[in-house]
């Protein structure tokens, strides 16, 4: 059973993912390394954010990805 905080975080994550900036970021990540993106999503869904971060590794080093993450507040 999810608590209220988890529901708020999930709602916020979906809002970010569905925003134009979020869609652009997802597109770049899918084009760059869809396997790494899938691993990151799976890890994050399991609550393993450190593994998710590591899975994205070099993708997050891209200047465009960093800029989009900043726009999303990360």
PDB file of N, CA and C in Angstrom:
ATOM      1  N   UNK A   1       0.838  -1.191   0.000  1.00  0.00           N
ATOM      2  CA  UNK A   1       0.000   0.000   0.000  1.00  0.00           C
ATOM      3  C   UNK A   1       0.882   1.253   0.000  1.00  0.00           C
ATOM      4  N   UNK A   2       0.593   2.156  -0.901  1.00  0.00           N
ATOM      5  CA  UNK A   2       1.380   3.383  -0.998  1.00  0.00           C
ATOM      6  C   UNK A   2       0.903   4.385   0.042  1.00  0.00           C
ATOM      7  N   UNK A   3       1.853   5.140   0.558  1.00  0.00           N
ATOM      8  CA  UNK A   3       1.436   6.218   1.441  1.00  0.00           C
ATOM      9  C   UNK A   3       1.210   7.476   0.607  1.00  0.00           C
ATOM     10  N   UNK A   4       0.690   8.496   1.237  1.00  0.00           N
ATOM     11  CA  UNK A   4       0.333   9.744   0.541  1.00  0.00           C
ATOM     12  C   UNK A   4       1.551  10.391  -0.113  1.00  0.00           C
ATOM     13  N   UNK A   5       2.690  10.344   0.543  1.00  0.00           N
ATOM     14  CA  UNK A   5       3.914  10.937   0.004  1.00  0.00           C
ATOM     15  C   UNK A   5       4.328  10.252  -1.293  1.00  0.00           C
ATOM     16  N   UNK A   6       4.223   8.920  -1.341  1.00  0.00           N
ATOM     17  CA  UNK A   6       4.559   8.182  -2.560  1.00  0.00           C
ATOM     18  C   UNK A   6       3.627   8.573  -3.701  1.00  0.00           C
ATOM     19  N   UNK A   7       2.361   8.765  -3.402  1.00  0.00           N
ATOM     20  CA  UNK A   7       1.394   9.147  -4.427  1.00  0.00           C
ATOM     21  C   UNK A   7       1.712  10.539  -4.979  1.00  0.00           C
ATOM     22  N   UNK A   8       2.095  11.457  -4.095  1.00  0.00           N
ATOM     23  CA  UNK A   8       2.458  12.808  -4.526  1.00  0.00           C
ATOM     24  C   UNK A   8       3.713  12.747  -5.398  1.00  0.00           C
ATOM     25  N   UNK A   9       4.719  11.966  -4.986  1.00  0.00           N
ATOM     26  CA  UNK A   9       5.950  11.845  -5.757  1.00  0.00           C
ATOM     27  C   UNK A   9       5.687  11.225  -7.123  1.00  0.00           C
ATOM     28  N   UNK A  10       4.840  10.208  -7.176  1.00  0.00           N
ATOM     29  CA  UNK A  10       4.504   9.581  -8.441  1.00  0.00           C
ATOM     30  C   UNK A  10       3.769  10.552  -9.349  1.00  0.00           C
ATOM     31  N   UNK A  11       2.842  11.299  -8.785  1.00  0.00           N
ATOM     32  CA  UNK A  11       2.103  12.295  -9.572  1.00  0.00           C
ATOM     33  C   UNK A  11       3.066  13.338 -10.138  1.00  0.00           C
ATOM     34  N   UNK A  12       3.984  13.812  -9.326  1.00  0.00           N
ATOM     35  CA  UNK A  12       4.961  14.810  -9.770  1.00  0.00           C
ATOM     36  C   UNK A  12       5.866  14.235 -10.862  1.00  0.00           C
ATOM     37  N   UNK A  13       6.311  12.993 -10.689  1.00  0.00           N
ATOM     38  CA  UNK A  13       7.164  12.350 -11.692  1.00  0.00           C
ATOM     39  C   UNK A  13       6.429  12.229 -13.027  1.00  0.00           C
ATOM     40  N   UNK A  14       5.157  11.871 -12.978  1.00  0.00           N
ATOM     41  CA  UNK A  14       4.376  11.763 -14.210  1.00  0.00           C
ATOM     42  C   UNK A  14       4.182  13.123 -14.869  1.00  0.00           C
ATOM     43  N   UNK A  15       3.957  14.146 -14.062  1.00  0.00           N
ATOM     44  CA  UNK A  15       3.825  15.504 -14.612  1.00  0.00           C
ATOM     45  C   UNK A  15       5.113  15.926 -15.315  1.00  0.00           C
ATOM     46  N   UNK A  16       6.255  15.650 -14.684  1.00  0.00           N
ATOM     47  CA  UNK A  16       7.545  16.003 -15.284  1.00  0.00           C
ATOM     48  C   UNK A  16       7.779  15.214 -16.571  1.00  0.00           C
ATOM     49  N   UNK A  17       7.484  13.920 -16.532  1.00  0.00           N
ATOM     50  CA  UNK A  17       7.712  13.074 -17.705  1.00  0.00           C
ATOM     51  C   UNK A  17       6.827  13.481 -18.878  1.00  0.00           C
ATOM     52  N   UNK A  18       5.652  13.985 -18.584  1.00  0.00           N
ATOM     53  CA  UNK A  18       4.720  14.368 -19.643  1.00  0.00           C
ATOM     54  C   UNK A  18       4.877  15.812 -20.107  1.00  0.00           C
ATOM     55  N   UNK A  19       5.736  16.560 -19.456  1.00  0.00           N
ATOM     56  CA  UNK A  19       5.968  17.945 -19.868  1.00  0.00           C
ATOM     57  C   UNK A  19       6.786  17.952 -21.159  1.00  0.00           C
ATOM     58  N   UNK A  20       6.765  19.054 -21.911  1.00  0.00           N
ATOM     59  CA  UNK A  20       7.593  19.123 -23.123  1.00  0.00           C
ATOM     60  C   UNK A  20       9.079  18.883 -22.838  1.00  0.00           C
ATOM     61  N   UNK A  21       9.582  19.425 -21.742  1.00  0.00           N
ATOM     62  CA  UNK A  21      10.989  19.221 -21.384  1.00  0.00           C
ATOM     63  C   UNK A  21      11.240  17.754 -21.049  1.00  0.00           C
ATOM     64  N   UNK A  22      10.340  17.160 -20.296  1.00  0.00           N
ATOM     65  CA  UNK A  22      10.468  15.745 -19.943  1.00  0.00           C
ATOM     66  C   UNK A  22      10.412  14.852 -21.167  1.00  0.00           C
ATOM     67  N   UNK A  23       9.528  15.171 -22.096  1.00  0.00           N
ATOM     68  CA  UNK A  23       9.426  14.389 -23.327  1.00  0.00           C
ATOM     69  C   UNK A  23      10.702  14.500 -24.153  1.00  0.00           C
ATOM     70  N   UNK A  24      11.282  15.687 -24.208  1.00  0.00           N
ATOM     71  CA  UNK A  24      12.544  15.884 -24.943  1.00  0.00           C
ATOM     72  C   UNK A  24      13.658  15.078 -24.292  1.00  0.00           C
ATOM     73  N   UNK A  25      13.717  15.127 -22.979  1.00  0.00           N
ATOM     74  CA  UNK A  25      14.735  14.369 -22.253  1.00  0.00           C
ATOM     75  C   UNK A  25      14.584  12.872 -22.506  1.00  0.00           C
ATOM     76  N   UNK A  26      13.371  12.353 -22.408  1.00  0.00           N
ATOM     77  CA  UNK A  26      13.141  10.933 -22.655  1.00  0.00           C
ATOM     78  C   UNK A  26      13.531  10.550 -24.077  1.00  0.00           C
ATOM     79  N   UNK A  27      13.230  11.409 -25.020  1.00  0.00           N
ATOM     80  CA  UNK A  27      13.576  11.141 -26.408  1.00  0.00           C
ATOM     81  C   UNK A  27      15.089  11.025 -26.591  1.00  0.00           C
ATOM     82  N   UNK A  28      15.818  11.950 -26.002  1.00  0.00           N
ATOM     83  CA  UNK A  28      17.284  11.923 -26.099  1.00  0.00           C
ATOM     84  C   UNK A  28      17.826  10.648 -25.465  1.00  0.00           C
ATOM     85  N   UNK A  29      17.324  10.313 -24.284  1.00  0.00           N
ATOM     86  CA  UNK A  29      17.820   9.127 -23.581  1.00  0.00           C
ATOM     87  C   UNK A  29      17.501   7.851 -24.350  1.00  0.00           C
ATOM     88  N   UNK A  30      16.310   7.773 -24.935  1.00  0.00           N
ATOM     89  CA  UNK A  30      15.935   6.590 -25.714  1.00  0.00           C
ATOM     90  C   UNK A  30      16.810   6.443 -26.950  1.00  0.00           C
ATOM     91  N   UNK A  31      17.106   7.546 -27.607  1.00  0.00           N
ATOM     92  CA  UNK A  31      17.936   7.510 -28.806  1.00  0.00           C
ATOM     93  C   UNK A  31      19.386   7.180 -28.475  1.00  0.00           C
ATOM     94  N   UNK A  32      19.841   7.618 -27.313  1.00  0.00           N
ATOM     95  CA  UNK A  32      21.234   7.423 -26.934  1.00  0.00           C
ATOM     96  C   UNK A  32      21.503   5.997 -26.475  1.00  0.00           C
ATOM     97  N   UNK A  33      20.711   5.503 -25.564  1.00  0.00           N
ATOM     98  CA  UNK A  33      20.932   4.166 -24.992  1.00  0.00           C
ATOM     99  C   UNK A  33      19.649   3.692 -24.328  1.00  0.00           C
ATOM    100  N   UNK A  34      18.788   3.083 -25.115  1.00  0.00           N
ATOM    101  CA  UNK A  34      17.491   2.665 -24.585  1.00  0.00           C
ATOM    102  C   UNK A  34      17.631   1.581 -23.518  1.00  0.00           C
ATOM    103  N   UNK A  35      18.665   0.738 -23.607  1.00  0.00           N
ATOM    104  CA  UNK A  35      18.867  -0.302 -22.592  1.00  0.00           C
ATOM    105  C   UNK A  35      19.210   0.323 -21.242  1.00  0.00           C
ATOM    106  N   UNK A  36      20.064   1.350 -21.261  1.00  0.00           N
ATOM    107  CA  UNK A  36      20.424   2.036 -20.019  1.00  0.00           C
ATOM    108  C   UNK A  36      19.209   2.747 -19.437  1.00  0.00           C
ATOM    109  N   UNK A  37      18.400   3.342 -20.308  1.00  0.00           N
ATOM    110  CA  UNK A  37      17.189   4.016 -19.842  1.00  0.00           C
ATOM    111  C   UNK A  37      16.241   3.014 -19.198  1.00  0.00           C
ATOM    112  N   UNK A  38      16.057   1.861 -19.817  1.00  0.00           N
ATOM    113  CA  UNK A  38      15.159   0.839 -19.258  1.00  0.00           C
ATOM    114  C   UNK A  38      15.665   0.352 -17.907  1.00  0.00           C
ATOM    115  N   UNK A  39      16.970   0.140 -17.809  1.00  0.00           N
ATOM    116  CA  UNK A  39      17.548  -0.294 -16.527  1.00  0.00           C
ATOM    117  C   UNK A  39      17.336   0.775 -15.465  1.00  0.00           C
ATOM    118  N   UNK A  40      17.513   2.036 -15.827  1.00  0.00           N
ATOM    119  CA  UNK A  40      17.322   3.134 -14.881  1.00  0.00           C
ATOM    120  C   UNK A  40      15.868   3.207 -14.418  1.00  0.00           C
ATOM    121  N   UNK A  41      14.939   3.049 -15.345  1.00  0.00           N
ATOM    122  CA  UNK A  41      13.518   3.094 -14.997  1.00  0.00           C
ATOM    123  C   UNK A  41      13.163   1.936 -14.066  1.00  0.00           C
ATOM    124  N   UNK A  42      13.655   0.753 -14.390  1.00  0.00           N
ATOM    125  CA  UNK A  42      13.378  -0.426 -13.559  1.00  0.00           C
ATOM    126  C   UNK A  42      13.956  -0.248 -12.154  1.00  0.00           C
ATOM    127  N   UNK A  43      15.178   0.249 -12.089  1.00  0.00           N
ATOM    128  CA  UNK A  43      15.822   0.471 -10.786  1.00  0.00           C
ATOM    129  C   UNK A  43      15.074   1.523  -9.977  1.00  0.00           C
ATOM    130  N   UNK A  44      14.713   2.620 -10.624  1.00  0.00           N
ATOM    131  CA  UNK A  44      13.994   3.690  -9.922  1.00  0.00           C
ATOM    132  C   UNK A  44      12.633   3.206  -9.434  1.00  0.00           C
ATOM    133  N   UNK A  45      11.950   2.412 -10.251  1.00  0.00           N
ATOM    134  CA  UNK A  45      10.639   1.891  -9.849  1.00  0.00           C
ATOM    135  C   UNK A  45      10.746   0.989  -8.622  1.00  0.00           C
ATOM    136  N   UNK A  46      11.901   0.338  -8.481  1.00  0.00           N
ATOM    137  CA  UNK A  46      12.141  -0.526  -7.324  1.00  0.00           C
ATOM    138  C   UNK A  46      12.671   0.258  -6.130  1.00  0.00           C
ATOM    139  N   UNK A  47      12.857   1.570  -6.322  1.00  0.00           N
ATOM    140  CA  UNK A  47      13.353   2.404  -5.226  1.00  0.00           C
ATOM    141  C   UNK A  47      14.864   2.451  -5.130  1.00  0.00           C
ATOM    142  N   UNK A  48      15.550   1.870  -6.093  1.00  0.00           N
ATOM    143  CA  UNK A  48      17.012   1.842  -6.096  1.00  0.00           C
ATOM    144  C   UNK A  48      17.525   2.999  -6.953  1.00  0.00           C
ATOM    145  N   UNK A  49      17.503   4.203  -6.395  1.00  0.00           N
ATOM    146  CA  UNK A  49      17.847   5.398  -7.149  1.00  0.00           C
ATOM    147  C   UNK A  49      19.333   5.493  -7.471  1.00  0.00           C
ATOM    148  N   UNK A  50      20.169   4.914  -6.634  1.00  0.00           N
ATOM    149  CA  UNK A  50      21.608   4.927  -6.903  1.00  0.00           C
ATOM    150  C   UNK A  50      21.916   4.107  -8.152  1.00  0.00           C
ATOM    151  N   UNK A  51      21.297   2.934  -8.283  1.00  0.00           N
ATOM    152  CA  UNK A  51      21.491   2.117  -9.483  1.00  0.00           C
ATOM    153  C   UNK A  51      20.925   2.806 -10.714  1.00  0.00           C
ATOM    154  N   UNK A  52      19.798   3.499 -10.545  1.00  0.00           N
ATOM    155  CA  UNK A  52      19.206   4.240 -11.661  1.00  0.00           C
ATOM    156  C   UNK A  52      20.163   5.323 -12.140  1.00  0.00           C
ATOM    157  N   UNK A  53      20.748   6.018 -11.195  1.00  0.00           N
ATOM    158  CA  UNK A  53      21.704   7.088 -11.526  1.00  0.00           C
ATOM    159  C   UNK A  53      22.925   6.512 -12.247  1.00  0.00           C
ATOM    160  N   UNK A  54      23.426   5.392 -11.752  1.00  0.00           N
ATOM    161  CA  UNK A  54      24.587   4.756 -12.373  1.00  0.00           C
ATOM    162  C   UNK A  54      24.254   4.246 -13.777  1.00  0.00           C
ATOM    163  N   UNK A  55      23.039   3.741 -13.965  1.00  0.00           N
ATOM    164  CA  UNK A  55      22.639   3.220 -15.277  1.00  0.00           C
ATOM    165  C   UNK A  55      22.651   4.315 -16.334  1.00  0.00           C
ATOM    166  N   UNK A  56      22.329   5.527 -15.926  1.00  0.00           N
ATOM    167  CA  UNK A  56      22.308   6.639 -16.877  1.00  0.00           C
ATOM    168  C   UNK A  56      23.683   7.246 -17.092  1.00  0.00           C
ATOM    169  N   UNK A  57      24.570   7.030 -16.123  1.00  0.00           N
ATOM    170  CA  UNK A  57      25.969   7.440 -16.183  1.00  0.00           C
ATOM    171  C   UNK A  57      26.348   8.461 -17.227  1.00  0.00           C
ATOM    172  N   UNK A  58      26.936   8.001 -18.312  1.00  0.00           N
ATOM    173  CA  UNK A  58      27.487   8.897 -19.323  1.00  0.00           C
ATOM    174  C   UNK A  58      26.409   9.707 -20.039  1.00  0.00           C
ATOM    175  N   UNK A  59      25.179   9.205 -20.064  1.00  0.00           N
ATOM    176  CA  UNK A  59      24.098   9.957 -20.711  1.00  0.00           C
ATOM    177  C   UNK A  59      23.868  11.281 -20.007  1.00  0.00           C
ATOM    178  N   UNK A  60      23.982  11.276 -18.698  1.00  0.00           N
ATOM    179  CA  UNK A  60      23.754  12.488 -17.918  1.00  0.00           C
ATOM    180  C   UNK A  60      24.884  13.490 -18.073  1.00  0.00           C
ATOM    181  N   UNK A  61      25.986  13.066 -18.690  1.00  0.00           N
ATOM    182  CA  UNK A  61      27.112  13.973 -18.903  1.00  0.00           C
ATOM    183  C   UNK A  61      26.893  14.887 -20.107  1.00  0.00           C
ATOM    184  N   UNK A  62      25.921  14.570 -20.924  1.00  0.00           N
ATOM    185  CA  UNK A  62      25.635  15.383 -22.108  1.00  0.00           C
ATOM    186  C   UNK A  62      25.178  16.776 -21.685  1.00  0.00           C
ATOM    187  N   UNK A  63      25.721  17.823 -22.300  1.00  0.00           N
ATOM    188  CA  UNK A  63      25.304  19.185 -21.945  1.00  0.00           C
ATOM    189  C   UNK A  63      23.798  19.409 -22.130  1.00  0.00           C
ATOM    190  N   UNK A  64      23.241  18.846 -23.193  1.00  0.00           N
ATOM    191  CA  UNK A  64      21.803  19.030 -23.425  1.00  0.00           C
ATOM    192  C   UNK A  64      20.976  18.317 -22.357  1.00  0.00           C
ATOM    193  N   UNK A  65      21.400  17.122 -21.965  1.00  0.00           N
ATOM    194  CA  UNK A  65      20.699  16.384 -20.911  1.00  0.00           C
ATOM    195  C   UNK A  65      20.802  17.141 -19.592  1.00  0.00           C
ATOM    196  N   UNK A  66      21.985  17.655 -19.274  1.00  0.00           N
ATOM    197  CA  UNK A  66      22.150  18.420 -18.031  1.00  0.00           C
ATOM    198  C   UNK A  66      21.250  19.648 -18.024  1.00  0.00           C
ATOM    199  N   UNK A  67      21.158  20.320 -19.157  1.00  0.00           N
ATOM    200  CA  UNK A  67      20.312  21.505 -19.254  1.00  0.00           C
ATOM    201  C   UNK A  67      18.838  21.140 -19.045  1.00  0.00           C
ATOM    202  N   UNK A  68      18.395  20.056 -19.666  1.00  0.00           N
ATOM    203  CA  UNK A  68      17.010  19.633 -19.506  1.00  0.00           C
ATOM    204  C   UNK A  68      16.709  19.232 -18.060  1.00  0.00           C
ATOM    205  N   UNK A  69      17.676  18.540 -17.440  1.00  0.00           N
ATOM    206  CA  UNK A  69      17.487  18.154 -16.030  1.00  0.00           C
ATOM    207  C   UNK A  69      17.368  19.392 -15.138  1.00  0.00           C
ATOM    208  N   UNK A  70      18.176  20.408 -15.428  1.00  0.00           N
ATOM    209  CA  UNK A  70      18.087  21.651 -14.657  1.00  0.00           C
ATOM    210  C   UNK A  70      16.730  22.293 -14.844  1.00  0.00           C
ATOM    211  N   UNK A  71      16.207  22.277 -16.068  1.00  0.00           N
ATOM    212  CA  UNK A  71      14.891  22.845 -16.327  1.00  0.00           C
ATOM    213  C   UNK A  71      13.793  22.094 -15.583  1.00  0.00           C
ATOM    214  N   UNK A  72      14.015  20.780 -15.382  1.00  0.00           N
ATOM    215  CA  UNK A  72      13.038  19.975 -14.652  1.00  0.00           C
ATOM    216  C   UNK A  72      13.202  20.103 -13.140  1.00  0.00           C
ATOM    217  N   UNK A  73      14.251  20.773 -12.734  1.00  0.00           N
ATOM    218  CA  UNK A  73      14.467  20.985 -11.299  1.00  0.00           C
ATOM    219  C   UNK A  73      15.384  19.963 -10.673  1.00  0.00           C
ATOM    220  N   UNK A  74      16.147  19.241 -11.467  1.00  0.00           N
ATOM    221  CA  UNK A  74      17.049  18.218 -10.942  1.00  0.00           C
ATOM    222  C   UNK A  74      18.436  18.560 -11.243  1.00  0.00           C
TER     223      UNK A  74
END
